[in-house]
N, C-alpha and C. Protein backbone atom coordinates (compact mmCIF):
# COMPACT_ATOMS: atom_id res chain seq x y z
N UNK A 1 -39.23 40.53 53.16
CA UNK A 1 -38.75 41.89 52.92
C UNK A 1 -39.65 42.52 51.87
N UNK A 2 -40.10 43.72 52.14
CA UNK A 2 -40.93 44.43 51.17
C UNK A 2 -40.30 45.78 50.87
N UNK A 3 -40.04 46.02 49.60
CA UNK A 3 -39.38 47.25 49.16
C UNK A 3 -40.37 48.31 48.66
N UNK A 4 -41.66 48.04 48.78
CA UNK A 4 -42.66 48.93 48.22
C UNK A 4 -42.54 50.35 48.78
N UNK A 5 -42.52 51.32 47.87
CA UNK A 5 -42.43 52.76 48.17
C UNK A 5 -41.12 53.18 48.82
N UNK A 6 -40.09 52.36 48.73
CA UNK A 6 -38.77 52.74 49.27
C UNK A 6 -37.97 53.45 48.18
N UNK A 7 -37.09 54.36 48.62
CA UNK A 7 -36.22 55.09 47.71
C UNK A 7 -34.78 54.80 48.11
N UNK A 8 -33.94 54.59 47.10
CA UNK A 8 -32.53 54.30 47.32
C UNK A 8 -31.68 55.25 46.49
N UNK A 9 -30.49 55.52 47.01
CA UNK A 9 -29.52 56.37 46.33
C UNK A 9 -28.17 55.66 46.40
N UNK A 10 -27.41 55.60 45.31
CA UNK A 10 -26.10 54.93 45.34
C UNK A 10 -25.13 55.62 46.29
N UNK A 11 -24.34 54.81 46.99
CA UNK A 11 -23.31 55.32 47.88
C UNK A 11 -21.99 55.44 47.13
N UNK A 12 -21.69 54.45 46.28
CA UNK A 12 -20.48 54.49 45.45
C UNK A 12 -20.70 53.61 44.23
N UNK A 13 -19.78 53.72 43.27
CA UNK A 13 -19.92 52.99 42.01
C UNK A 13 -18.53 52.64 41.49
N UNK A 14 -18.49 51.78 40.49
CA UNK A 14 -17.23 51.46 39.84
C UNK A 14 -16.83 52.62 38.93
N UNK A 15 -15.58 52.63 38.49
CA UNK A 15 -15.07 53.72 37.64
C UNK A 15 -15.83 53.85 36.33
N UNK A 16 -16.25 52.72 35.74
CA UNK A 16 -16.93 52.78 34.45
C UNK A 16 -18.46 52.84 34.58
N UNK A 17 -18.99 52.87 35.79
CA UNK A 17 -20.43 52.92 36.00
C UNK A 17 -20.99 54.33 35.79
N UNK A 18 -22.27 54.40 35.47
CA UNK A 18 -22.91 55.69 35.22
C UNK A 18 -23.80 56.16 36.38
N UNK A 19 -23.96 55.34 37.39
CA UNK A 19 -24.78 55.78 38.51
C UNK A 19 -23.97 56.69 39.43
N UNK A 20 -24.68 57.54 40.14
CA UNK A 20 -24.06 58.47 41.08
C UNK A 20 -25.05 58.78 42.19
N UNK A 21 -24.63 59.52 43.17
CA UNK A 21 -25.51 59.89 44.28
C UNK A 21 -26.63 60.82 43.83
N UNK A 22 -26.58 61.29 42.58
CA UNK A 22 -27.65 62.14 42.05
C UNK A 22 -28.87 61.34 41.61
N UNK A 23 -28.73 60.03 41.49
CA UNK A 23 -29.83 59.18 41.03
C UNK A 23 -30.66 58.73 42.23
N UNK A 24 -31.96 58.76 42.07
CA UNK A 24 -32.87 58.21 43.07
C UNK A 24 -33.65 57.07 42.43
N UNK A 25 -33.61 55.92 43.07
CA UNK A 25 -34.33 54.73 42.63
C UNK A 25 -35.62 54.63 43.44
N UNK A 26 -36.77 54.62 42.77
CA UNK A 26 -38.09 54.51 43.41
C UNK A 26 -38.60 53.08 43.23
N UNK A 27 -38.59 52.31 44.32
CA UNK A 27 -38.99 50.90 44.25
C UNK A 27 -40.49 50.75 44.53
N UNK A 28 -41.10 49.80 43.80
CA UNK A 28 -42.47 49.36 44.04
C UNK A 28 -42.43 47.84 44.08
N UNK A 29 -43.25 47.25 44.95
CA UNK A 29 -43.28 45.79 45.04
C UNK A 29 -44.71 45.31 45.25
N UNK A 30 -45.06 44.28 44.50
CA UNK A 30 -46.35 43.62 44.64
C UNK A 30 -46.07 42.12 44.67
N UNK A 31 -46.33 41.50 45.82
CA UNK A 31 -45.94 40.10 45.99
C UNK A 31 -44.42 40.02 45.95
N UNK A 32 -43.88 39.14 45.13
CA UNK A 32 -42.42 39.06 45.01
C UNK A 32 -41.90 39.77 43.75
N UNK A 33 -42.78 40.51 43.07
CA UNK A 33 -42.37 41.23 41.85
C UNK A 33 -42.01 42.67 42.20
N UNK A 34 -40.81 43.05 41.82
CA UNK A 34 -40.29 44.38 42.11
C UNK A 34 -40.15 45.17 40.81
N UNK A 35 -40.56 46.43 40.83
CA UNK A 35 -40.32 47.33 39.72
C UNK A 35 -39.69 48.60 40.27
N UNK A 36 -39.05 49.35 39.42
CA UNK A 36 -38.35 50.55 39.87
C UNK A 36 -38.17 51.49 38.68
N UNK A 37 -38.30 52.77 38.96
CA UNK A 37 -37.93 53.80 37.98
C UNK A 37 -36.83 54.63 38.60
N UNK A 38 -35.96 55.17 37.75
CA UNK A 38 -34.86 55.98 38.26
C UNK A 38 -34.39 56.96 37.20
N UNK A 39 -33.77 58.04 37.67
CA UNK A 39 -33.20 59.06 36.79
C UNK A 39 -32.29 59.95 37.62
N UNK A 40 -31.40 60.65 36.92
CA UNK A 40 -30.51 61.59 37.57
C UNK A 40 -29.08 61.41 37.11
N UNK A 41 -28.27 62.43 37.33
CA UNK A 41 -26.86 62.37 36.93
C UNK A 41 -26.73 62.11 35.44
N UNK A 42 -26.01 61.06 35.08
CA UNK A 42 -25.77 60.71 33.68
C UNK A 42 -26.89 59.89 33.05
N UNK A 43 -27.92 59.56 33.85
CA UNK A 43 -29.03 58.73 33.37
C UNK A 43 -30.26 59.59 33.16
N UNK A 44 -30.77 59.61 31.92
CA UNK A 44 -32.01 60.34 31.63
C UNK A 44 -33.21 59.62 32.21
N UNK A 45 -33.27 58.31 32.00
CA UNK A 45 -34.36 57.50 32.54
C UNK A 45 -33.94 56.04 32.57
N UNK A 46 -34.47 55.32 33.54
CA UNK A 46 -34.18 53.90 33.65
C UNK A 46 -35.27 53.16 34.38
N UNK A 47 -35.32 51.85 34.15
CA UNK A 47 -36.30 51.00 34.81
C UNK A 47 -35.66 49.68 35.19
N UNK A 48 -36.13 49.13 36.30
CA UNK A 48 -35.72 47.81 36.76
C UNK A 48 -36.97 46.95 36.89
N UNK A 49 -36.81 45.64 36.69
CA UNK A 49 -37.85 44.68 37.03
C UNK A 49 -37.14 43.47 37.62
N UNK A 50 -37.71 42.93 38.69
CA UNK A 50 -37.02 41.82 39.33
C UNK A 50 -37.93 40.99 40.22
N UNK A 51 -37.31 39.96 40.78
CA UNK A 51 -37.98 39.06 41.71
C UNK A 51 -37.26 39.11 43.05
N UNK A 52 -38.04 39.16 44.13
CA UNK A 52 -37.51 39.21 45.49
C UNK A 52 -37.71 37.83 46.12
N UNK A 53 -36.62 37.26 46.67
CA UNK A 53 -36.76 35.95 47.32
C UNK A 53 -37.11 36.13 48.81
N UNK A 54 -37.25 35.02 49.51
CA UNK A 54 -37.68 35.06 50.91
C UNK A 54 -36.69 35.75 51.85
N UNK A 55 -35.42 35.88 51.47
CA UNK A 55 -34.43 36.60 52.28
C UNK A 55 -34.31 38.07 51.89
N UNK A 56 -35.07 38.50 50.88
CA UNK A 56 -35.01 39.89 50.43
C UNK A 56 -34.01 40.13 49.32
N UNK A 57 -33.34 39.07 48.84
CA UNK A 57 -32.43 39.21 47.71
C UNK A 57 -33.23 39.51 46.45
N UNK A 58 -32.65 40.32 45.59
CA UNK A 58 -33.35 40.71 44.36
C UNK A 58 -32.54 40.27 43.14
N UNK A 59 -33.20 39.60 42.22
CA UNK A 59 -32.63 39.24 40.93
C UNK A 59 -33.36 40.10 39.91
N UNK A 60 -32.65 41.09 39.33
CA UNK A 60 -33.36 42.03 38.46
C UNK A 60 -32.62 42.30 37.16
N UNK A 61 -33.36 42.89 36.24
CA UNK A 61 -32.83 43.32 34.95
C UNK A 61 -33.11 44.81 34.83
N UNK A 62 -32.21 45.52 34.14
CA UNK A 62 -32.42 46.96 33.97
C UNK A 62 -32.28 47.36 32.52
N UNK A 63 -32.89 48.48 32.19
CA UNK A 63 -32.64 49.15 30.91
C UNK A 63 -32.70 50.65 31.20
N UNK A 64 -31.83 51.38 30.53
CA UNK A 64 -31.73 52.82 30.79
C UNK A 64 -31.21 53.55 29.55
N UNK A 65 -31.47 54.86 29.52
CA UNK A 65 -30.95 55.73 28.47
C UNK A 65 -30.08 56.77 29.15
N UNK A 66 -28.82 56.89 28.67
CA UNK A 66 -27.90 57.85 29.29
C UNK A 66 -27.94 59.20 28.55
N UNK A 67 -27.16 60.15 29.04
CA UNK A 67 -27.15 61.51 28.49
C UNK A 67 -26.70 61.55 27.02
N UNK A 68 -25.96 60.53 26.57
CA UNK A 68 -25.52 60.47 25.18
C UNK A 68 -26.56 59.82 24.28
N UNK A 69 -27.71 59.47 24.84
CA UNK A 69 -28.77 58.84 24.06
C UNK A 69 -28.56 57.37 23.81
N UNK A 70 -27.67 56.73 24.59
CA UNK A 70 -27.40 55.31 24.43
C UNK A 70 -28.32 54.49 25.32
N UNK A 71 -28.83 53.39 24.78
CA UNK A 71 -29.61 52.44 25.57
C UNK A 71 -28.64 51.42 26.16
N UNK A 72 -28.78 51.20 27.45
CA UNK A 72 -27.95 50.20 28.12
C UNK A 72 -28.86 49.23 28.85
N UNK A 73 -28.49 47.94 28.86
CA UNK A 73 -29.26 46.92 29.55
C UNK A 73 -28.32 46.03 30.35
N UNK A 74 -28.87 45.34 31.33
CA UNK A 74 -28.03 44.44 32.10
C UNK A 74 -28.77 43.77 33.23
N UNK A 75 -27.98 43.15 34.07
CA UNK A 75 -28.45 42.34 35.20
C UNK A 75 -27.89 42.93 36.49
N UNK A 76 -28.69 42.85 37.54
CA UNK A 76 -28.22 43.25 38.87
C UNK A 76 -28.72 42.23 39.89
N UNK A 77 -27.84 41.85 40.78
CA UNK A 77 -28.19 40.99 41.93
C UNK A 77 -27.96 41.83 43.17
N UNK A 78 -28.99 41.93 44.03
CA UNK A 78 -28.91 42.75 45.23
C UNK A 78 -29.14 41.89 46.47
N UNK A 79 -28.35 42.19 47.51
CA UNK A 79 -28.48 41.52 48.81
C UNK A 79 -28.69 42.60 49.86
N UNK A 80 -29.78 42.51 50.65
CA UNK A 80 -30.06 43.57 51.63
C UNK A 80 -29.26 43.41 52.92
N UNK A 81 -28.98 44.53 53.54
CA UNK A 81 -28.42 44.59 54.89
C UNK A 81 -29.28 45.58 55.67
N UNK A 82 -29.80 45.16 56.81
CA UNK A 82 -30.59 46.05 57.65
C UNK A 82 -29.63 46.76 58.60
N UNK A 83 -29.59 48.08 58.51
CA UNK A 83 -28.69 48.87 59.34
C UNK A 83 -29.30 49.10 60.73
N UNK A 84 -28.48 49.53 61.66
CA UNK A 84 -28.92 49.77 63.04
C UNK A 84 -30.08 50.75 63.09
N UNK A 85 -30.08 51.74 62.21
CA UNK A 85 -31.14 52.76 62.20
C UNK A 85 -32.42 52.28 61.48
N UNK A 86 -32.44 51.03 61.04
CA UNK A 86 -33.61 50.47 60.38
C UNK A 86 -33.62 50.64 58.87
N UNK A 87 -32.69 51.42 58.34
CA UNK A 87 -32.63 51.59 56.89
C UNK A 87 -32.06 50.33 56.24
N UNK A 88 -32.33 50.19 54.95
CA UNK A 88 -31.84 49.05 54.18
C UNK A 88 -30.69 49.52 53.29
N UNK A 89 -29.58 48.81 53.34
CA UNK A 89 -28.47 49.03 52.40
C UNK A 89 -28.45 47.83 51.48
N UNK A 90 -28.43 48.09 50.17
CA UNK A 90 -28.36 47.02 49.18
C UNK A 90 -26.94 46.87 48.68
N UNK A 91 -26.42 45.66 48.77
CA UNK A 91 -25.10 45.33 48.22
C UNK A 91 -25.38 44.73 46.85
N UNK A 92 -24.87 45.39 45.80
CA UNK A 92 -25.27 45.04 44.45
C UNK A 92 -24.10 44.64 43.56
N UNK A 93 -24.39 43.73 42.64
CA UNK A 93 -23.45 43.32 41.60
C UNK A 93 -24.15 43.58 40.27
N UNK A 94 -23.62 44.55 39.52
CA UNK A 94 -24.20 44.93 38.21
C UNK A 94 -23.40 44.30 37.10
N UNK A 95 -24.09 43.88 36.06
CA UNK A 95 -23.44 43.35 34.85
C UNK A 95 -24.02 44.05 33.65
């Protein structure tokens, strides 16, 4: 699985999460190393870095600055699902 130059937008979030459908995640991938920049909604700027395994699962870390000027960091595990139309849906667990 290669995520290079793909863009993702959240479909839904938890009540205490800051992501929304206003955020666009721009993925880049070189080998199994994934990077991403994102912004929108309550997030001024954010970045992800992660590793992609042979099934397309992503183990990544994030850091971001929200509208209140707070820095937030954490972990995300993503599992891909290939939809009928060929698009990728990521099922994610954020910490």
